[in-house]
N, C-alpha and C. Protein backbone atom coordinates (compact mmCIF):
# COMPACT_ATOMS: atom_id res chain seq x y z
N UNK A 1 57.06 57.35 -99.18
CA UNK A 1 55.89 55.74 -99.73
C UNK A 1 54.82 56.80 -100.71
N UNK A 2 55.19 58.15 -100.87
CA UNK A 2 53.80 59.34 -101.68
C UNK A 2 53.72 58.47 -103.15
N UNK A 3 55.02 58.23 -103.38
CA UNK A 3 55.56 57.98 -104.55
C UNK A 3 54.68 56.17 -105.09
N UNK A 4 54.18 55.71 -104.35
CA UNK A 4 53.86 54.15 -104.47
C UNK A 4 52.88 53.94 -105.55
N UNK A 5 52.65 53.00 -106.36
CA UNK A 5 51.32 53.56 -107.11
C UNK A 5 50.52 52.15 -107.39
N UNK A 6 49.38 51.70 -106.61
CA UNK A 6 48.42 50.69 -106.84
C UNK A 6 48.63 49.89 -108.15
N UNK A 7 48.93 48.20 -108.17
CA UNK A 7 49.28 47.60 -108.97
C UNK A 7 48.96 46.42 -108.77
N UNK A 8 48.14 45.20 -109.47
CA UNK A 8 47.12 44.80 -109.29
C UNK A 8 48.28 43.30 -109.81
N UNK A 9 48.71 42.39 -109.77
CA UNK A 9 49.19 41.52 -110.17
C UNK A 9 48.78 40.08 -109.91
N UNK A 10 48.53 39.05 -110.79
CA UNK A 10 47.53 37.79 -110.62
C UNK A 10 49.39 36.82 -110.64
N UNK A 11 49.03 36.26 -109.66
CA UNK A 11 50.29 35.28 -109.31
C UNK A 11 50.03 33.78 -109.37
N UNK A 12 50.70 32.75 -109.77
CA UNK A 12 50.66 31.29 -109.34
C UNK A 12 50.22 31.31 -107.78
N UNK A 13 49.30 30.14 -107.63
CA UNK A 13 49.41 30.09 -105.71
C UNK A 13 50.65 29.89 -105.33
N UNK A 14 51.65 28.81 -106.40
CA UNK A 14 52.96 28.35 -105.70
C UNK A 14 53.77 29.56 -105.31
N UNK A 15 53.58 30.97 -106.58
CA UNK A 15 54.58 31.75 -106.56
C UNK A 15 54.13 32.77 -105.46
N UNK A 16 52.88 32.57 -104.97
CA UNK A 16 52.79 33.55 -103.74
C UNK A 16 52.29 33.13 -102.54
N UNK A 17 52.89 32.19 -102.50
CA UNK A 17 53.08 30.87 -101.34
C UNK A 17 54.57 31.11 -101.19
N UNK A 18 55.67 31.22 -102.17
CA UNK A 18 56.99 31.08 -101.77
C UNK A 18 57.28 32.12 -101.63
N UNK A 19 57.21 33.16 -102.01
CA UNK A 19 57.30 34.84 -102.05
C UNK A 19 56.72 35.17 -100.61
N UNK A 20 55.71 34.76 -99.89
CA UNK A 20 54.54 35.03 -98.42
C UNK A 20 56.02 34.51 -97.39
N UNK A 21 56.66 33.03 -97.66
CA UNK A 21 57.55 32.73 -96.79
C UNK A 21 58.35 33.51 -97.00
N UNK A 22 59.38 33.87 -97.80
CA UNK A 22 60.44 34.63 -97.82
C UNK A 22 59.83 36.02 -97.37
N UNK A 23 58.80 36.68 -97.67
CA UNK A 23 58.78 37.74 -97.03
C UNK A 23 58.77 37.03 -95.50
N UNK A 24 57.88 36.89 -95.03
CA UNK A 24 58.01 35.97 -93.31
C UNK A 24 59.14 36.04 -92.55
N UNK A 25 60.15 34.67 -93.48
CA UNK A 25 61.39 35.02 -93.09
C UNK A 25 62.07 36.45 -92.64
N UNK A 26 62.02 37.50 -93.82
CA UNK A 26 62.80 37.92 -93.68
C UNK A 26 62.31 38.97 -93.43
N UNK A 27 61.02 38.88 -92.73
CA UNK A 27 59.99 40.72 -91.96
C UNK A 27 59.78 41.59 -92.91
N UNK A 28 59.72 41.04 -93.45
CA UNK A 28 59.31 42.66 -94.85
C UNK A 28 57.54 42.16 -95.04
N UNK A 29 56.85 42.82 -95.56
CA UNK A 29 55.70 42.54 -96.19
C UNK A 29 55.35 42.32 -97.63
N UNK A 30 54.22 41.71 -97.74
CA UNK A 30 54.68 41.04 -99.70
C UNK A 30 55.25 41.70 -100.03
N UNK A 31 54.37 43.27 -100.54
CA UNK A 31 54.68 44.45 -101.05
C UNK A 31 55.98 44.96 -101.20
N UNK A 32 57.20 45.10 -100.26
CA UNK A 32 58.01 45.40 -100.09
C UNK A 32 59.25 44.10 -100.81
N UNK A 33 58.29 42.81 -100.28
CA UNK A 33 59.54 42.06 -100.75
C UNK A 33 59.50 41.99 -102.53
N UNK A 34 58.57 42.38 -102.69
CA UNK A 34 58.10 42.19 -104.23
C UNK A 34 58.61 43.46 -105.04
N UNK A 35 58.45 44.71 -104.77
CA UNK A 35 59.57 46.15 -104.88
C UNK A 35 60.91 45.84 -105.30
N UNK A 36 61.31 44.74 -103.88
CA UNK A 36 62.64 44.42 -103.68
C UNK A 36 63.13 43.63 -104.92
N UNK A 37 62.33 43.43 -105.49
CA UNK A 37 62.95 41.39 -106.35
C UNK A 37 62.54 42.53 -107.78
N UNK A 38 61.89 43.46 -108.02
CA UNK A 38 61.11 43.84 -109.49
C UNK A 38 62.90 44.89 -109.00
N UNK A 39 62.82 45.86 -108.12
CA UNK A 39 64.37 46.50 -108.21
C UNK A 39 65.87 45.68 -108.79
N UNK A 40 66.00 44.77 -108.09
CA UNK A 40 66.99 43.71 -108.51
C UNK A 40 66.86 43.74 -110.09
N UNK A 41 65.67 43.03 -110.45
CA UNK A 41 65.59 42.67 -111.71
C UNK A 41 66.08 44.02 -112.90
N UNK A 42 65.36 45.16 -112.29
CA UNK A 42 65.84 46.25 -112.97
C UNK A 42 67.19 46.64 -113.30
N UNK A 43 67.58 46.81 -111.98
CA UNK A 43 69.42 46.64 -111.69
C UNK A 43 69.89 45.96 -113.19
N UNK A 44 69.71 44.64 -113.07
CA UNK A 44 70.25 43.56 -113.71
C UNK A 44 69.88 43.54 -115.27
N UNK A 45 69.18 44.62 -115.66
CA UNK A 45 68.39 44.68 -117.06
C UNK A 45 69.14 46.15 -117.43
N UNK A 46 69.23 47.08 -116.60
CA UNK A 46 70.25 48.16 -116.85
C UNK A 46 71.69 48.00 -117.19
N UNK A 47 72.19 46.95 -116.11
CA UNK A 47 73.30 46.27 -116.63
C UNK A 47 74.11 46.13 -117.75
N UNK A 48 72.63 45.22 -117.84
CA UNK A 48 72.67 44.21 -118.83
C UNK A 48 72.67 45.57 -120.37
N UNK A 49 72.36 45.72 -120.21
CA UNK A 49 72.32 47.21 -121.69
C UNK A 49 73.41 47.75 -121.30
N UNK A 50 73.54 48.48 -120.20
CA UNK A 50 74.99 48.74 -120.71
C UNK A 50 76.28 48.03 -120.87
N UNK A 51 76.33 46.73 -120.40
CA UNK A 51 77.24 45.86 -120.91
C UNK A 51 77.11 45.82 -122.49
N UNK A 52 75.56 45.52 -123.20
CA UNK A 52 75.65 45.35 -124.44
C UNK A 52 76.54 46.34 -125.24
N UNK A 53 75.92 47.93 -124.78
CA UNK A 53 76.42 49.32 -125.38
C UNK A 53 78.23 49.34 -124.90
N UNK A 54 78.80 48.90 -124.05
CA UNK A 54 80.00 48.90 -124.10
C UNK A 54 80.97 47.97 -125.01
N UNK A 55 79.96 46.83 -125.01
CA UNK A 55 80.70 45.70 -126.11
C UNK A 55 80.51 46.46 -127.62
N UNK A 56 79.22 46.93 -127.97
CA UNK A 56 79.37 47.71 -129.21
C UNK A 56 80.20 48.40 -128.99
N UNK A 57 80.82 49.26 -128.16
CA UNK A 57 81.83 50.78 -128.21
C UNK A 57 82.91 50.34 -128.86
N UNK A 58 82.99 49.38 -127.87
CA UNK A 58 84.53 48.55 -128.28
C UNK A 58 85.17 48.44 -129.51
N UNK A 59 83.68 47.78 -129.89
CA UNK A 59 83.69 46.68 -131.32
C UNK A 59 84.45 48.41 -132.29
N UNK A 60 83.59 50.09 -132.19
CA UNK A 60 83.96 50.81 -132.35
C UNK A 60 85.45 51.43 -132.30
N UNK A 61 85.72 51.54 -131.29
CA UNK A 61 86.98 51.71 -130.83
C UNK A 61 88.20 50.67 -131.45
N UNK A 62 88.17 49.80 -131.83
CA UNK A 62 89.09 48.83 -131.98
C UNK A 62 89.54 48.67 -133.68
N UNK A 63 87.34 48.97 -133.94
CA UNK A 63 88.18 49.11 -135.92
C UNK A 63 88.23 50.64 -136.05
N UNK A 64 88.41 51.59 -135.30
CA UNK A 64 88.57 53.44 -136.30
C UNK A 64 89.34 53.81 -135.45
N UNK A 65 90.80 53.93 -135.66
CA UNK A 65 92.01 54.55 -134.97
C UNK A 65 91.51 55.63 -134.19
N UNK A 66 91.13 56.69 -135.42
CA UNK A 66 90.45 58.24 -134.86
C UNK A 66 90.20 58.17 -133.69
N UNK A 67 89.14 57.27 -133.55
CA UNK A 67 88.24 57.55 -132.36
C UNK A 67 89.13 56.74 -130.88
N UNK A 68 90.34 56.46 -130.72
CA UNK A 68 91.73 55.82 -129.71
C UNK A 68 92.72 57.23 -129.51
N UNK A 69 92.46 58.05 -130.68
CA UNK A 69 93.76 59.27 -130.51
C UNK A 69 93.20 59.76 -129.49
N UNK A 70 93.70 59.69 -128.17
CA UNK A 70 93.40 60.57 -127.24
C UNK A 70 93.49 61.85 -127.15
N UNK A 71 93.44 63.12 -126.22
CA UNK A 71 93.14 64.41 -126.94
C UNK A 71 94.44 64.90 -125.32
N UNK A 72 94.39 65.89 -124.52
CA UNK A 72 95.09 65.50 -123.43
C UNK A 72 94.34 65.28 -121.97
N UNK A 73 93.04 64.95 -122.17
CA UNK A 73 92.82 63.91 -121.44
C UNK A 73 92.21 62.59 -121.00
N UNK A 74 93.71 62.08 -120.82
CA UNK A 74 93.73 60.63 -121.01
C UNK A 74 94.25 60.17 -119.89
N UNK A 75 94.42 59.00 -119.44
CA UNK A 75 94.59 58.00 -118.62
C UNK A 75 94.93 58.80 -117.09
N UNK A 76 95.47 59.02 -115.92
CA UNK A 76 95.30 59.63 -114.95
C UNK A 76 94.41 60.77 -114.89
N UNK A 77 94.69 62.01 -115.83
CA UNK A 77 94.09 62.75 -116.57
C UNK A 77 91.94 62.97 -116.13
N UNK A 78 91.76 61.99 -117.07
CA UNK A 78 91.02 61.41 -117.15
C UNK A 78 89.91 60.84 -116.19
N UNK A 79 90.40 60.52 -115.32
CA UNK A 79 90.15 59.81 -113.97
C UNK A 79 89.64 60.91 -112.94
N UNK A 80 90.75 61.57 -112.78
CA UNK A 80 90.61 62.59 -112.11
C UNK A 80 89.69 63.69 -112.66
N UNK A 81 89.42 63.60 -113.48
CA UNK A 81 88.38 64.85 -114.20
C UNK A 81 86.93 64.16 -114.13
N UNK A 82 86.46 63.02 -114.39
CA UNK A 82 85.58 61.76 -113.70
C UNK A 82 85.75 60.40 -113.34
N UNK A 83 85.60 60.69 -112.01
CA UNK A 83 86.54 60.05 -110.80
C UNK A 83 85.05 59.07 -111.10
N UNK A 84 85.21 57.53 -110.44
CA UNK A 84 84.43 56.66 -110.67
C UNK A 84 83.17 57.04 -109.23
N UNK A 85 82.17 57.08 -109.14
CA UNK A 85 81.33 57.20 -108.03
C UNK A 85 81.03 55.50 -107.43
N UNK A 86 80.94 55.66 -106.23
CA UNK A 86 81.07 54.54 -105.33
C UNK A 86 80.05 54.05 -104.55
């Protein structure tokens, strides 16, 4: 927890009240709950950015036949070289 930075945020009373109820229900501090919400939103933004980039790359690959010419590293070889992380 040493990497935490104190940050002041102004919330509407209704937002603060709802967050307080959620935090109490989940047995978390308000700060912990807000960090969880911020992390979820940041993950969602990164996902959307990666999705957008992947769609652009797909367009490039479909337009340029040279980009789809695989070398010796294709198919299962590629998956073995770059396994999906879980």
